[in-house]
Structure formats: C-alpha cells, structure tokens
C-alpha atoms as a PDB file:
ATOM      1  CA  MET A   1       0.011   0.005  -0.005  1.00  0.00           C
ATOM      2  CA  VAL A   2       1.446   3.322  -1.074  1.00  0.00           C
ATOM      3  CA  GLU A   3       0.715   6.429   0.959  1.00  0.00           C
ATOM      4  CA  LYS A   4       0.738   9.829  -0.639  1.00  0.00           C
ATOM      5  CA  VAL A   5       2.969  12.343   1.103  1.00  0.00           C
ATOM      6  CA  SER A   6       2.590  16.033   0.418  1.00  0.00           C
ATOM      7  CA  ASP A   7       5.516  18.452   0.181  1.00  0.00           C
ATOM      8  CA  PHE A   8       6.385  20.006   3.507  1.00  0.00           C
ATOM      9  CA  ASP A   9       6.554  23.823   3.471  1.00  0.00           C
ATOM     10  CA  VAL A  10       7.690  25.246   6.787  1.00  0.00           C
ATOM     11  CA  SER A  11       6.447  28.707   5.866  1.00  0.00           C
ATOM     12  CA  GLU A  12       2.855  27.482   6.438  1.00  0.00           C
ATOM     13  CA  TYR A  13       3.625  26.977  10.125  1.00  0.00           C
ATOM     14  CA  LEU A  14       5.521  30.173  10.832  1.00  0.00           C
ATOM     15  CA  ASP A  15       2.598  32.407  11.659  1.00  0.00           C
ATOM     16  CA  ASP A  16       3.783  34.160  14.846  1.00  0.00           C
ATOM     17  CA  GLU A  17       7.031  35.504  16.335  1.00  0.00           C
ATOM     18  CA  LYS A  18       7.309  32.680  18.895  1.00  0.00           C
ATOM     19  CA  SER A  19       7.265  29.952  16.241  1.00  0.00           C
ATOM     20  CA  ILE A  20       9.727  31.980  14.134  1.00  0.00           C
ATOM     21  CA  ALA A  21      12.100  32.343  17.102  1.00  0.00           C
ATOM     22  CA  ALA A  22      11.860  28.637  17.947  1.00  0.00           C
ATOM     23  CA  TYR A  23      12.544  27.686  14.272  1.00  0.00           C
ATOM     24  CA  LEU A  24      15.569  29.967  14.046  1.00  0.00           C
ATOM     25  CA  SER A  25      16.915  28.773  17.402  1.00  0.00           C
ATOM     26  CA  ALA A  26      16.743  25.172  16.186  1.00  0.00           C
ATOM     27  CA  VAL A  27      18.495  26.095  12.966  1.00  0.00           C
ATOM     28  CA  VAL A  28      21.287  28.025  14.724  1.00  0.00           C
ATOM     29  CA  GLU A  29      22.014  24.921  16.804  1.00  0.00           C
ATOM     30  CA  GLU A  30      23.137  23.201  13.595  1.00  0.00           C
ATOM     31  CA  ASN A  31      25.996  25.717  13.031  1.00  0.00           C
ATOM     32  CA  ASP A  32      25.290  25.834   9.280  1.00  0.00           C
ATOM     33  CA  THR A  33      25.153  29.295   7.738  1.00  0.00           C
ATOM     34  CA  LYS A  34      23.579  28.058   4.490  1.00  0.00           C
ATOM     35  CA  LEU A  35      20.789  26.452   6.498  1.00  0.00           C
ATOM     36  CA  LEU A  36      20.336  29.663   8.514  1.00  0.00           C
ATOM     37  CA  LEU A  37      20.017  31.754   5.343  1.00  0.00           C
ATOM     38  CA  ALA A  38      17.528  29.275   3.909  1.00  0.00           C
ATOM     39  CA  ALA A  39      15.532  29.387   7.158  1.00  0.00           C
ATOM     40  CA  ILE A  40      15.429  33.224   7.159  1.00  0.00           C
ATOM     41  CA  GLY A  41      14.312  32.984   3.517  1.00  0.00           C
ATOM     42  CA  ASP A  42      11.511  30.593   4.443  1.00  0.00           C
ATOM     43  CA  ILE A  43      10.320  32.987   7.140  1.00  0.00           C
ATOM     44  CA  ALA A  44      10.499  35.945   4.764  1.00  0.00           C
ATOM     45  CA  LYS A  45       8.395  34.006   2.235  1.00  0.00           C
ATOM     46  CA  ALA A  46       5.871  33.208   4.935  1.00  0.00           C
ATOM     47  CA  ARG A  47       5.589  36.910   5.829  1.00  0.00           C
ATOM     48  CA  GLY A  48       5.792  38.122   2.255  1.00  0.00           C
ATOM     49  CA  MET A  49       9.043  39.160   0.607  1.00  0.00           C
ATOM     50  CA  ALA A  50       7.731  42.516  -0.537  1.00  0.00           C
ATOM     51  CA  LYS A  51       6.593  43.463   2.997  1.00  0.00           C
ATOM     52  CA  ILE A  52       9.916  42.347   4.535  1.00  0.00           C
ATOM     53  CA  ALA A  53      11.858  44.235   1.876  1.00  0.00           C
ATOM     54  CA  SER A  54      10.008  47.466   2.528  1.00  0.00           C
ATOM     55  CA  ASP A  55      10.187  47.051   6.339  1.00  0.00           C
ATOM     56  CA  SER A  56      13.930  46.375   6.211  1.00  0.00           C
ATOM     57  CA  GLY A  57      14.702  49.096   3.709  1.00  0.00           C
ATOM     58  CA  LEU A  58      16.033  46.661   1.105  1.00  0.00           C
ATOM     59  CA  GLY A  59      14.947  46.086  -2.394  1.00  0.00           C
ATOM     60  CA  ARG A  60      12.881  42.937  -3.063  1.00  0.00           C
ATOM     61  CA  GLU A  61      15.435  41.573  -5.527  1.00  0.00           C
ATOM     62  CA  SER A  62      18.312  42.394  -3.141  1.00  0.00           C
ATOM     63  CA  LEU A  63      16.478  40.523  -0.401  1.00  0.00           C
ATOM     64  CA  TYR A  64      16.112  37.443  -2.649  1.00  0.00           C
ATOM     65  CA  LYS A  65      19.849  37.583  -3.448  1.00  0.00           C
ATOM     66  CA  ALA A  66      20.857  38.086   0.204  1.00  0.00           C
ATOM     67  CA  LEU A  67      18.778  35.136   1.403  1.00  0.00           C
ATOM     68  CA  ASN A  68      20.084  32.723  -1.206  1.00  0.00           C
ATOM     69  CA  PRO A  69      21.869  29.913   0.706  1.00  0.00           C
ATOM     70  CA  GLU A  70      25.010  30.453  -1.450  1.00  0.00           C
ATOM     71  CA  ALA A  71      25.081  34.179  -0.731  1.00  0.00           C
ATOM     72  CA  LYS A  72      27.427  35.949   1.683  1.00  0.00           C
ATOM     73  CA  PRO A  73      25.204  38.789   2.980  1.00  0.00           C
ATOM     74  CA  ARG A  74      26.497  41.500   5.289  1.00  0.00           C
ATOM     75  CA  PHE A  75      25.621  41.135   8.966  1.00  0.00           C
ATOM     76  CA  ASP A  76      23.699  44.444   9.017  1.00  0.00           C
ATOM     77  CA  THR A  77      21.493  43.105   6.199  1.00  0.00           C
ATOM     78  CA  ILE A  78      20.622  40.034   8.252  1.00  0.00           C
ATOM     79  CA  LEU A  79      19.934  42.189  11.310  1.00  0.00           C
ATOM     80  CA  LYS A  80      17.559  44.429   9.320  1.00  0.00           C
ATOM     81  CA  VAL A  81      15.689  41.392   8.015  1.00  0.00           C
ATOM     82  CA  LEU A  82      15.449  39.765  11.483  1.00  0.00           C
ATOM     83  CA  ILE A  83      14.177  43.031  13.002  1.00  0.00           C
ATOM     84  CA  SER A  84      11.550  43.330  10.272  1.00  0.00           C
ATOM     85  CA  LEU A  85      10.515  39.722  11.033  1.00  0.00           C
ATOM     86  CA  GLY A  86       9.974  40.615  14.666  1.00  0.00           C
ATOM     87  CA  VAL A  87      12.832  38.578  16.185  1.00  0.00           C
ATOM     88  CA  LYS A  88      16.192  39.400  17.713  1.00  0.00           C
ATOM     89  CA  ILE A  89      19.439  37.590  18.307  1.00  0.00           C
ATOM     90  CA  ARG A  90      20.181  36.469  21.868  1.00  0.00           C
ATOM     91  CA  PHE A  91      23.542  35.039  22.990  1.00  0.00           C
ATOM     92  CA  ASN A  92      24.100  32.232  25.537  1.00  0.00           C
ATOM     93  CA  ALA A  93      27.275  30.846  27.045  1.00  0.00           C
ATOM     94  CA  ILE A  94      28.536  27.606  25.496  1.00  0.00           C
ATOM     95  CA  THR A  95      28.592  24.593  27.823  1.00  0.00           C
ATOM     96  CA  GLU A  96      31.689  22.364  28.170  1.00  0.00           C
ATOM     97  CA  GLU A  97      30.032  19.586  26.169  1.00  0.00           C
ATOM     98  CA  GLU A  98      29.204  22.010  23.325  1.00  0.00           C
ATOM     99  CA  LYS A  99      32.835  23.258  23.390  1.00  0.00           C
ATOM    100  CA  LYS A 100      34.095  19.731  22.860  1.00  0.00           C
ATOM    101  CA  THR A 101      31.737  19.175  19.974  1.00  0.00           C
ATOM    102  CA  ASN A 102      32.683  22.520  18.421  1.00  0.00           C
ATOM    103  CA  ASP A 103      36.419  21.765  18.866  1.00  0.00           C
ATOM    104  CA  LYS A 104      35.968  18.492  16.972  1.00  0.00           C
ATOM    105  CA  LYS A 105      34.155  20.279  14.160  1.00  0.00           C
ATOM    106  CA  ALA A 106      36.831  23.034  14.087  1.00  0.00           C
ATOM    107  CA  SER A 107      39.679  20.514  13.858  1.00  0.00           C
ATOM    108  CA  THR A 108      37.959  18.801  10.951  1.00  0.00           C
ATOM    109  CA  VAL A 109      37.582  22.147   9.143  1.00  0.00           C
ATOM    110  CA  LYS A 110      41.267  23.028   9.855  1.00  0.00           C
ATOM    111  CA  LYS A 111      42.366  19.698   8.389  1.00  0.00           C
ATOM    112  CA  SER A 112      40.347  20.207   5.220  1.00  0.00           C
ATOM    113  CA  ILE A 113      41.762  23.732   4.825  1.00  0.00           C
ATOM    114  CA  GLN A 114      45.315  22.422   5.292  1.00  0.00           C
ATOM    115  CA  LYS A 115      44.651  19.721   2.745  1.00  0.00           C
ATOM    116  CA  ARG A 116      43.426  22.293   0.251  1.00  0.00           C
ATOM    117  CA  LYS A 117      46.466  24.543   0.876  1.00  0.00           C
ATOM    118  CA  SER A 118      48.850  21.662   0.333  1.00  0.00           C
ATOM    119  CA  HIS A 119      47.068  20.859  -2.916  1.00  0.00           C
ATOM    120  CA  LEU A 120      47.492  24.430  -4.081  1.00  0.00           C
ATOM    121  CA  SER A 121      51.152  24.553  -3.083  1.00  0.00           C
ATOM    122  CA  ASP A 122      51.883  21.688  -5.551  1.00  0.00           C
ATOM    123  CA  ARG A 123      51.066  23.953  -8.485  1.00  0.00           C
ATOM    124  CA  PRO A 124      53.817  25.806 -10.329  1.00  0.00           C
ATOM    125  CA  ILE A 125      54.156  29.442  -9.329  1.00  0.00           C
ATOM    126  CA  ASP A 126      53.918  32.377 -11.719  1.00  0.00           C
ATOM    127  CA  ARG A 127      56.587  34.888 -10.774  1.00  0.00           C
ATOM    128  CA  ARG A 128      56.259  37.299 -13.670  1.00  0.00           C
ATOM    129  CA  HIS A 129      54.899  40.113 -11.506  1.00  0.00           C
ATOM    130  CA  ALA A 130      57.494  40.834  -8.814  1.00  0.00           C
ATOM    131  CA  ASN A 131      55.335  43.422  -7.053  1.00  0.00           C
ATOM    132  CA  GLU A 132      52.350  41.052  -6.659  1.00  0.00           C
ATOM    133  CA  LYS A 133      52.019  37.938  -4.563  1.00  0.00           C
ATOM    134  CA  ALA A 134      53.154  34.717  -6.224  1.00  0.00           C
ATOM    135  CA  ARG A 135      50.076  32.991  -7.603  1.00  0.00           C
ATOM    136  CA  PRO A 136      49.483  29.551  -9.106  1.00  0.00           C
ATOM    137  CA  VAL A 137      49.597  29.313 -12.884  1.00  0.00           C
ATOM    138  CA  ARG A 138      46.043  28.684 -14.080  1.00  0.00           C
ATOM    139  CA  ASN A 139      46.399  28.708 -17.852  1.00  0.00           C
ATOM    140  CA  LYS A 140      48.883  30.234 -20.179  1.00  0.00           C
ATOM    141  CA  ILE A 141      47.582  32.998 -22.430  1.00  0.00           C
ATOM    142  CA  THR A 142      49.596  33.823 -25.479  1.00  0.00           C
ATOM    143  CA  PRO A 143      50.394  37.509 -25.739  1.00  0.00           C
ATOM    144  CA  ARG A 144      48.796  39.506 -28.571  1.00  0.00           C
ATOM    145  CA  LYS A 145      50.955  40.735 -31.360  1.00  0.00           C
ATOM    146  CA  LYS A 146      51.288  44.481 -31.127  1.00  0.00           C
ATOM    147  CA  ASN A 147      52.428  45.251 -34.626  1.00  0.00           C
ATOM    148  CA  ARG A 148      49.921  43.719 -37.004  1.00  0.00           C
ATOM    149  CA  THR A 149      49.540  44.815 -40.512  1.00  0.00           C
ATOM    150  CA  ALA A 150      46.258  46.217 -41.739  1.00  0.00           C
ATOM    151  CA  ALA A 151      45.670  43.081 -43.812  1.00  0.00           C
ATOM    152  CA  GLU A 152      46.145  40.802 -40.741  1.00  0.00           C
ATOM    153  CA  GLN A 153      43.757  42.940 -38.679  1.00  0.00           C
ATOM    154  CA  GLU A 154      41.151  42.788 -41.435  1.00  0.00           C
ATOM    155  CA  HIS A 155      41.615  39.014 -41.808  1.00  0.00           C
ATOM    156  CA  ASN A 156      41.142  38.523 -38.015  1.00  0.00           C
ATOM    157  CA  ARG A 157      38.091  40.718 -37.984  1.00  0.00           C
ATOM    158  CA  ILE A 158      36.418  38.748 -40.742  1.00  0.00           C
ATOM    159  CA  TYR A 159      37.307  35.247 -39.544  1.00  0.00           C
END
C-alpha cells in the first residue's frame, strides 16, 4: 500500500514571532550558515518578501539575493531582516560539552583547509609580476601581437 505524502513547506507553520524564534533557534544549533540563510528565507516568504523588503529598507530583488543559501550577505542586512521579522538575536554561554563538539568540528575544518592549501602549493608558481604575490599558474595565455599589418587585422576581424 502506497501512501501519498505532500511536500512540507515550513512557511505554512511560521505564523507568529514565537514559532519563528523557535525555528531559528533550532536552525542556529546546527552551526550551518547556509541552512540559517535558507531558514530566514523561508520565514521571509511566509511573511511576504515585498513586505519584509519594505520594512527592512532593502529592495525585493536584493532581499532574494541576500537570502540565497549560497550568498554571503552582510551582517547588518541580516539584522535588518530579522528586526523586520519581529525577532532578535540572543547570546548564551557555551557549555563544556558544546565546546568539545565545536572543537571536533573546528579541527575537521582546519584539516580540510590544510589539505586544500597543500594541494594548491603543488602547483607551479607564476613569478612574472614581482610586485604582486606569487600565484598559481592557471592557464597560459599567449600575448597579442602588437604590430599587426592592416591586412592581418582585417583578416582576423572577418574570420
């Protein structure tokens, strides 16, 4: 027997500030910024993007861009949106158990960053520009010929 399951849309359940605050608190516990942006986006959709945009002083399109999970919005933008949603940020001290969990996550992140850096250091270095930082060679671009004849220029323009 197959049961039909409807799509879950959290925005249908975010009808007051308490439920919004509880939802955001649960999301913040996950320590995932992409998830937090998606959650704020869900709440903004529940309240109406145009209303949130006007209340926060942002453009509607800018709000959509800022709340994209892949975006890197400024902190003041997020604060404006949260205030217009009727919630505020509250800080609590981290317990010893949470510190241990966060330390494990941080060491995993550090290891992946070190692995990425070592991978980049294996690339050949382009040292043509002495006043700039040495950077990995991505692809070689052949320089353009400066002194082309009029016939060569015309040939390149046509073909």
